[in-house]
Protein backbone atom coordinates (compact mmCIF):
# COMPACT_ATOMS: atom_id res chain seq x y z
CA MET A 1 91.08 27.42 -14.21
CA ARG A 2 93.39 30.33 -14.93
CA ILE A 3 93.62 33.29 -17.26
CA LYS A 4 96.94 33.47 -19.05
CA ASN A 5 96.51 36.73 -20.90
CA LEU A 6 94.05 39.63 -21.10
CA ILE A 7 93.90 42.09 -24.01
CA LEU A 8 91.97 45.38 -23.82
CA LYS A 9 91.37 47.68 -26.79
CA ASN A 10 89.45 50.92 -26.31
CA PHE A 11 87.91 49.43 -23.18
CA ARG A 12 87.18 52.09 -20.55
CA ASN A 13 90.43 54.06 -20.24
CA TYR A 14 92.62 51.45 -21.99
CA ALA A 15 93.70 52.20 -25.58
CA ASP A 16 95.55 48.99 -26.43
CA GLU A 17 97.07 47.02 -23.57
CA SER A 18 97.88 43.43 -22.74
CA MET A 19 98.65 41.86 -19.38
CA ASP A 20 99.88 38.38 -18.52
CA PHE A 21 98.72 36.51 -15.44
CA THR A 22 100.33 33.63 -13.59
CA ASP A 23 99.06 30.97 -11.21
CA GLY A 24 98.57 32.16 -7.66
CA LEU A 25 98.38 35.81 -6.71
CA ASN A 26 98.42 38.52 -9.39
CA VAL A 27 98.57 42.04 -7.97
CA VAL A 28 97.28 44.82 -10.24
CA TYR A 29 98.29 48.01 -8.49
CA GLY A 30 98.52 51.75 -8.96
CA ARG A 31 97.07 55.02 -7.75
CA ASN A 32 93.32 55.58 -7.70
CA ALA A 33 91.49 56.16 -11.01
CA GLN A 34 94.23 54.59 -13.15
CA GLY A 35 92.22 51.64 -14.51
CA LYS A 36 92.73 48.80 -12.03
CA THR A 37 89.01 48.20 -11.53
CA ASN A 38 88.49 48.35 -15.30
CA CYS A 39 90.77 45.33 -15.61
CA ALA A 40 88.70 43.42 -13.04
CA GLU A 41 85.51 44.48 -14.81
CA ALA A 42 86.79 43.11 -18.14
CA VAL A 43 87.40 39.68 -16.63
CA TYR A 44 83.91 39.64 -15.11
CA TYR A 45 82.36 40.65 -18.43
CA LEU A 46 83.98 37.77 -20.32
CA CYS A 47 82.78 35.31 -17.67
CA THR A 48 79.18 36.46 -17.40
CA GLY A 49 78.42 38.63 -20.42
CA THR A 50 77.55 41.56 -18.15
CA SER A 51 79.35 44.35 -16.35
CA PRO A 52 79.17 44.64 -12.55
CA ARG A 53 79.11 48.44 -12.91
CA ALA A 54 77.69 49.57 -16.25
CA LYS A 55 73.99 49.40 -17.07
CA ARG A 56 74.66 49.54 -20.81
CA ASP A 57 77.47 47.92 -22.72
CA LYS A 58 78.21 51.09 -24.69
CA GLN A 59 79.42 52.70 -21.46
CA LEU A 60 82.43 50.35 -21.66
CA ILE A 61 83.70 51.95 -24.89
CA ARG A 62 86.57 54.38 -24.50
CA HIS A 63 85.51 57.99 -24.94
CA GLY A 64 85.73 59.08 -28.56
CA GLU A 65 85.96 55.54 -29.97
CA GLU A 66 83.37 53.52 -31.88
CA SER A 67 84.00 50.11 -30.33
CA ALA A 68 85.78 48.24 -27.55
CA GLU A 69 87.40 44.81 -27.59
CA ILE A 70 88.23 42.39 -24.78
CA CYS A 71 89.99 39.07 -25.20
CA ALA A 72 91.14 36.50 -22.65
CA ASN A 73 93.20 33.40 -23.24
CA ALA A 74 92.59 30.92 -20.47
CA GLU A 75 93.35 27.35 -19.50
CA GLY A 76 90.99 24.92 -17.78
CA ARG A 77 90.67 21.23 -17.11
CA TYR A 78 89.43 20.68 -20.67
CA GLY A 79 92.19 22.62 -22.39
CA ASN A 80 92.75 26.13 -23.68
CA ILE A 81 89.94 28.57 -24.33
CA GLU A 82 89.79 32.02 -25.92
CA ILE A 83 86.90 34.36 -25.21
CA TYR A 84 86.55 37.50 -27.29
CA ALA A 85 84.03 40.32 -27.08
CA LYS A 86 83.57 43.31 -29.38
CA ILE A 87 81.23 46.00 -28.13
CA THR A 88 79.77 48.73 -30.34
CA GLU A 89 77.16 51.43 -29.91
CA SER A 90 74.55 49.17 -31.51
CA GLY A 91 75.38 45.82 -29.93
CA ARG A 92 78.10 43.27 -29.34
CA GLU A 93 79.72 40.17 -30.77
CA ILE A 94 81.11 37.42 -28.54
CA LYS A 95 83.19 34.48 -29.72
CA VAL A 96 84.43 31.41 -27.87
CA ASN A 97 87.38 29.74 -29.59
CA GLY A 98 86.45 31.62 -32.74
CA ASN A 99 82.81 30.50 -32.74
CA LYS A 100 80.22 33.23 -32.52
CA ILE A 101 77.92 33.00 -29.52
CA MET A 102 74.29 33.55 -30.44
CA ARG A 103 72.63 33.10 -27.04
CA ASN A 104 73.49 34.72 -23.72
CA ALA A 105 73.22 31.30 -22.06
CA ASP A 106 76.17 30.06 -24.13
CA ILE A 107 78.48 32.71 -22.68
CA LEU A 108 78.15 31.19 -19.23
CA GLY A 109 80.27 28.30 -18.06
CA ASN A 110 83.22 28.88 -20.38
CA LEU A 111 85.32 30.87 -17.93
CA TYR A 112 84.43 30.73 -14.25
CA SER A 113 85.08 33.65 -11.95
CA VAL A 114 84.04 34.92 -8.55
CA PHE A 115 84.12 38.69 -8.23
CA PHE A 116 84.38 40.77 -5.07
CA SER A 117 84.48 44.56 -4.85
CA PRO A 118 83.35 47.16 -2.30
CA HIS A 119 79.98 47.17 -4.08
CA GLU A 120 79.45 43.58 -2.94
CA LEU A 121 78.64 44.94 0.53
CA ARG A 122 75.20 45.51 -0.96
CA LEU A 123 74.79 41.75 -0.66
CA ILE A 124 74.41 42.31 3.09
CA GLN A 125 73.24 45.90 3.39
CA ASP A 126 70.70 46.35 0.59
CA GLY A 127 67.34 44.80 -0.17
CA PRO A 128 66.43 41.30 -1.40
CA ASP A 129 67.13 42.23 -5.03
CA GLU A 130 70.88 42.23 -4.32
CA ARG A 131 70.84 38.80 -2.70
CA ARG A 132 68.79 37.35 -5.54
CA ARG A 133 71.24 38.92 -8.00
CA PHE A 134 74.09 37.17 -6.21
CA LEU A 135 72.30 33.83 -6.45
CA ASN A 136 71.37 34.34 -10.10
CA VAL A 137 74.88 35.29 -11.25
CA SER A 138 76.58 32.50 -9.35
CA ILE A 139 74.16 29.69 -10.19
CA SER A 140 73.86 30.78 -13.83
CA GLN A 141 77.60 30.34 -14.33
CA LEU A 142 77.32 26.78 -13.05
CA SER A 143 74.00 25.83 -14.64
CA ARG A 144 72.75 26.93 -18.04
CA PRO A 145 69.36 25.22 -17.42
CA TYR A 146 68.96 27.49 -14.39
CA TYR A 147 69.74 30.57 -16.46
CA VAL A 148 67.26 29.53 -19.17
CA ALA A 149 64.56 28.82 -16.57
CA LEU A 150 65.22 32.19 -14.89
CA VAL A 151 64.94 34.11 -18.16
CA ARG A 152 61.69 32.35 -19.11
CA TYR A 153 60.28 32.79 -15.61
CA ASN A 154 60.93 36.54 -15.69
CA ARG A 155 59.43 36.83 -19.15
CA ILE A 156 56.20 35.06 -18.17
CA LEU A 157 56.08 36.96 -14.87
CA GLU A 158 56.13 40.25 -16.77
CA GLN A 159 53.24 39.07 -18.94
CA ARG A 160 51.30 37.93 -15.87
CA ASN A 161 51.80 41.31 -14.21
CA ASN A 162 50.52 43.05 -17.32
CA LEU A 163 47.46 40.79 -17.28
CA LEU A 164 46.74 41.69 -13.65
CA LYS A 165 46.31 45.33 -14.68
CA ASP A 166 43.65 44.49 -17.27
CA LYS A 167 40.30 46.12 -16.46
CA ASN A 168 38.33 43.15 -17.77
CA LEU A 169 38.30 40.93 -14.67
CA ASN A 170 36.63 38.03 -16.47
CA THR A 171 39.54 37.89 -18.88
CA VAL A 172 41.99 38.09 -15.98
CA TYR A 173 40.42 35.24 -13.99
CA ASP A 174 40.08 33.05 -17.09
CA SER A 175 43.67 33.63 -18.24
CA LEU A 176 45.61 33.40 -14.97
CA PRO A 177 45.55 29.58 -14.65
CA VAL A 178 47.05 29.23 -18.14
CA TRP A 179 49.89 31.64 -17.39
CA ASP A 180 50.48 30.13 -13.95
CA GLU A 181 50.90 26.62 -15.32
CA GLU A 182 53.90 27.79 -17.36
CA LEU A 183 55.17 30.19 -14.72
CA CYS A 184 55.29 27.56 -12.00
CA LYS A 185 57.19 25.11 -14.20
CA TYR A 186 60.13 27.51 -14.36
CA ALA A 187 59.60 28.82 -10.84
CA ALA A 188 60.07 25.32 -9.47
CA THR A 189 63.44 24.97 -11.26
CA VAL A 190 64.62 28.35 -9.95
CA ALA A 191 63.44 27.70 -6.39
CA ARG A 192 64.87 24.17 -6.19
CA ARG A 193 68.29 25.17 -7.53
CA ARG A 194 68.52 28.18 -5.24
CA ALA A 195 67.63 26.05 -2.23
CA ASP A 196 70.34 23.53 -3.12
CA PHE A 197 72.89 26.30 -3.61
CA ILE A 198 72.15 27.96 -0.26
CA GLU A 199 72.32 24.57 1.46
CA GLN A 200 75.85 24.15 0.07
CA LEU A 201 76.84 27.75 0.72
CA ALA A 202 75.79 28.07 4.37
CA PRO A 203 78.28 25.70 6.09
CA LEU A 204 81.16 26.76 3.84
CA ALA A 205 80.59 30.47 4.54
CA ALA A 206 80.22 29.81 8.26
CA ASP A 207 83.54 27.94 8.36
CA ILE A 208 85.40 30.60 6.37
CA HIS A 209 83.93 33.35 8.52
CA LEU A 210 85.22 31.62 11.67
CA LYS A 211 88.70 31.53 10.14
CA LEU A 212 88.65 35.18 9.08
CA THR A 213 87.51 36.28 12.55
CA ASP A 214 89.71 33.84 14.52
CA GLY A 215 86.58 32.21 15.86
CA GLY A 216 85.30 35.50 17.21
CA GLU A 217 82.02 35.61 15.27
CA THR A 218 79.55 33.14 13.80
CA LEU A 219 77.82 33.58 10.45
CA LYS A 220 74.50 31.94 9.68
CA ILE A 221 72.87 31.91 6.24
CA ALA A 222 69.46 30.47 5.45
CA PRO A 223 66.70 31.01 2.86
CA ASP A 224 63.75 33.01 4.12
CA LYS A 225 61.47 30.31 2.66
CA LYS A 226 61.95 26.58 2.82
CA TYR A 227 61.49 24.89 -0.55
CA LYS A 228 61.20 21.15 0.03
CA GLY A 229 60.42 18.35 -2.36
CA SER A 230 61.01 17.65 -6.03
CA GLU A 231 60.52 20.21 -8.78
CA GLU A 232 57.17 18.65 -9.60
CA GLU A 233 56.07 18.96 -5.97
CA LEU A 234 57.27 22.56 -5.86
CA LYS A 235 55.42 23.32 -9.06
CA THR A 236 52.17 22.09 -7.50
CA LYS A 237 52.79 24.02 -4.29
CA LEU A 238 53.61 27.28 -6.09
CA PHE A 239 50.60 26.92 -8.40
CA SER A 240 48.34 26.54 -5.36
CA GLU A 241 49.91 29.58 -3.71
CA LEU A 242 49.27 31.72 -6.76
CA SER A 243 45.71 30.38 -7.23
CA ASN A 244 44.78 31.20 -3.66
CA ASN A 245 45.89 34.79 -4.03
CA TYR A 246 44.25 35.95 -7.28
CA ASP A 247 42.25 38.67 -5.51
CA ARG A 248 45.32 40.02 -3.75
CA ASP A 249 47.43 40.12 -6.90
CA ILE A 250 44.66 41.81 -8.91
CA ARG A 251 44.25 44.41 -6.20
CA LEU A 252 48.01 45.07 -6.07
CA GLY A 253 48.48 44.90 -9.84
CA TYR A 254 51.50 42.58 -9.59
CA THR A 255 52.47 39.05 -8.52
CA ALA A 256 53.27 39.17 -4.81
CA SER A 257 54.59 35.63 -4.36
CA GLY A 258 57.13 33.43 -6.07
CA PRO A 259 60.94 33.15 -6.35
CA HIS A 260 61.17 36.78 -7.52
CA ARG A 261 60.18 37.79 -3.97
CA ASP A 262 62.52 35.47 -2.07
CA ASP A 263 65.36 36.55 0.19
CA ILE A 264 68.27 35.17 2.21
CA ASP A 265 68.49 35.55 5.99
CA ILE A 266 72.00 36.48 7.14
CA GLU A 267 72.89 36.60 10.83
CA ILE A 268 76.11 37.40 12.69
CA ASP A 269 76.19 36.05 16.24
CA GLY A 270 72.45 35.51 16.07
CA VAL A 271 71.65 39.10 15.05
CA ASP A 272 70.25 40.21 11.68
CA ALA A 273 73.28 41.39 9.70
CA LYS A 274 71.21 43.51 7.33
CA SER A 275 70.05 45.74 10.19
CA TYR A 276 72.77 45.62 12.83
CA ALA A 277 76.15 44.61 11.37
CA SER A 278 78.98 47.14 11.48
CA GLN A 279 80.88 48.08 8.33
CA GLY A 280 83.71 45.72 9.26
CA GLN A 281 81.33 42.86 10.03
CA THR A 282 79.49 43.46 6.78
CA ARG A 283 82.70 43.32 4.77
CA THR A 284 83.90 40.14 6.45
CA ALA A 285 80.50 38.43 6.02
CA ALA A 286 80.30 39.37 2.33
CA LEU A 287 83.85 38.18 1.75
CA SER A 288 83.10 34.89 3.53
CA ILE A 289 80.11 34.32 1.26
CA LYS A 290 82.20 35.02 -1.83
CA LEU A 291 84.99 32.66 -0.73
CA ALA A 292 82.36 30.01 -0.03
CA GLU A 293 81.13 30.56 -3.58
CA VAL A 294 84.65 29.74 -4.76
CA GLU A 295 84.52 26.38 -2.99
CA ILE A 296 81.13 25.56 -4.52
CA PHE A 297 82.54 26.23 -7.99
CA LYS A 298 85.36 23.80 -7.20
CA GLU A 299 82.93 21.12 -5.95
CA LEU A 300 80.54 21.38 -8.89
CA SER A 301 82.86 22.12 -11.81
CA GLY A 302 85.94 20.21 -10.69
CA GLU A 303 88.23 23.24 -10.79
CA TYR A 304 88.66 26.51 -8.97
CA PRO A 305 87.34 29.67 -10.62
CA VAL A 306 89.45 32.77 -11.10
CA LEU A 307 89.00 34.91 -8.00
CA VAL A 308 88.87 38.65 -8.70
CA LEU A 309 89.30 40.85 -5.62
CA ASP A 310 88.88 44.53 -6.42
CA ASP A 311 90.13 46.93 -3.73
CA VAL A 312 89.40 44.59 -0.85
CA MET A 313 92.64 44.88 1.17
CA SER A 314 92.37 48.55 2.09
CA GLU A 315 89.34 47.91 4.29
CA LEU A 316 90.68 44.84 6.11
CA ASP A 317 92.95 44.88 9.14
CA LEU A 318 96.33 43.14 8.90
CA PRO A 319 95.30 39.78 10.45
CA ARG A 320 92.34 39.45 8.07
CA ARG A 321 94.50 40.38 5.07
CA LYS A 322 96.91 37.61 5.96
CA LYS A 323 94.11 35.10 6.42
CA LEU A 324 92.59 36.11 3.09
CA VAL A 325 95.90 35.53 1.30
CA GLU A 326 96.21 32.18 3.04
CA LEU A 327 92.69 31.09 2.07
CA THR A 328 93.26 31.94 -1.60
CA LYS A 329 96.71 30.44 -2.10
CA ASN A 330 95.45 27.43 -4.09
CA LEU A 331 93.73 29.37 -6.88
CA GLN A 332 94.50 32.10 -9.35
CA THR A 333 93.64 35.44 -7.79
CA ILE A 334 93.61 38.82 -9.51
CA LEU A 335 93.81 41.43 -6.79
CA THR A 336 93.67 45.19 -7.33
CA CYS A 337 95.10 47.58 -4.76
CA THR A 338 96.94 50.86 -4.45
CA HIS A 339 100.16 49.50 -2.91
CA ALA A 340 101.40 46.07 -3.96
CA GLU A 341 103.77 45.65 -1.02
CA ARG A 342 100.90 45.64 1.47
CA VAL A 343 99.66 42.23 0.36
CA LEU A 344 102.83 40.35 -0.49
CA TYR A 345 103.82 38.94 2.91
CA GLY A 346 106.81 37.19 1.44
CA LEU A 347 104.80 35.38 -1.23
CA GLU A 348 105.76 35.05 -4.86
CA THR A 349 103.41 37.30 -6.81
CA ASN A 350 102.97 38.63 -10.30
CA LYS A 351 102.89 42.42 -10.01
CA ILE A 352 101.30 44.57 -12.73
CA ARG A 353 101.46 48.33 -12.32
CA ILE A 354 98.76 50.42 -14.00
CA GLU A 355 99.19 54.11 -14.72
CA GLY A 356 96.69 56.12 -16.76
CA GLY A 357 95.25 53.04 -18.47
CA LYS A 358 98.71 51.74 -19.39
CA VAL A 359 100.62 48.71 -18.15
CA LYS A 360 104.00 49.85 -16.82
CA ARG A 361 106.49 47.01 -17.15
């Protein structure tokens, strides 16, 4: 899959700009605070329907304007595709090949991308929420049923948590089994798909990490809980777990078990990366996981996603930069950096210079 053209109108600091991308490495470069990351953000938004940085869509609108527009023309194994988004203060409109998208689930799977920025270090350094977010974004792009199950699970979980705060304990005890029957149906789908994804991810990330570190470090990834069996078996197991902990959940006022509490264990050379990894180790581990994600997209969808690397080169030493370029040579990569010449290494690249939200040709 590749993006041929990206159009930005009143998006962040862009007034009205267009940029063309080629196969292979596309280098979007310029001084800091010129709009390079905004370009990467726009690609991510069209792929997932969300921004990796903004909490609200209206933050994406250029200051003083009433709306923002993003449009990408792309090419995949099934032909050409155009994705368009118009964002206003009151909402948004998204179209795929001219057809209006009514559900968030229908945004996913049209344009695949894997996104890496300095913020992705949170995948290693921060709490379980960040690792679950990584799983949710990645799997949702590949599986709409997963996304639907996740949304419904979270909706029912919120209602269950509200029920747990009810002062009428008879009502609580009588109602919990009904809610749990539905909750566990979707929980089983989420848990099973995450387990499958991590099982695919772990060996790929370990292999890539060995290459990036010249065999100097080993990376191990595993779920903190082992979910075995079919979805029906998992549903029964999760229902039993919830049923056996009614008193605990009522006392706490929230549901203390389930996929919304799961985590991923990440180790470097047998040591917990979350607690003991250096900044350099953290960056390399996070990058290895993201590049492994790329390979999973290829295996499951039949084509490579667009790889977006935002400001990754500045924090890598020269050998790891070269290895990164080597590992990504077979897919379209959009890479932002301050100095284009630092990442060329004799390769043919498409260079796009950004200055003050304008493409300088």
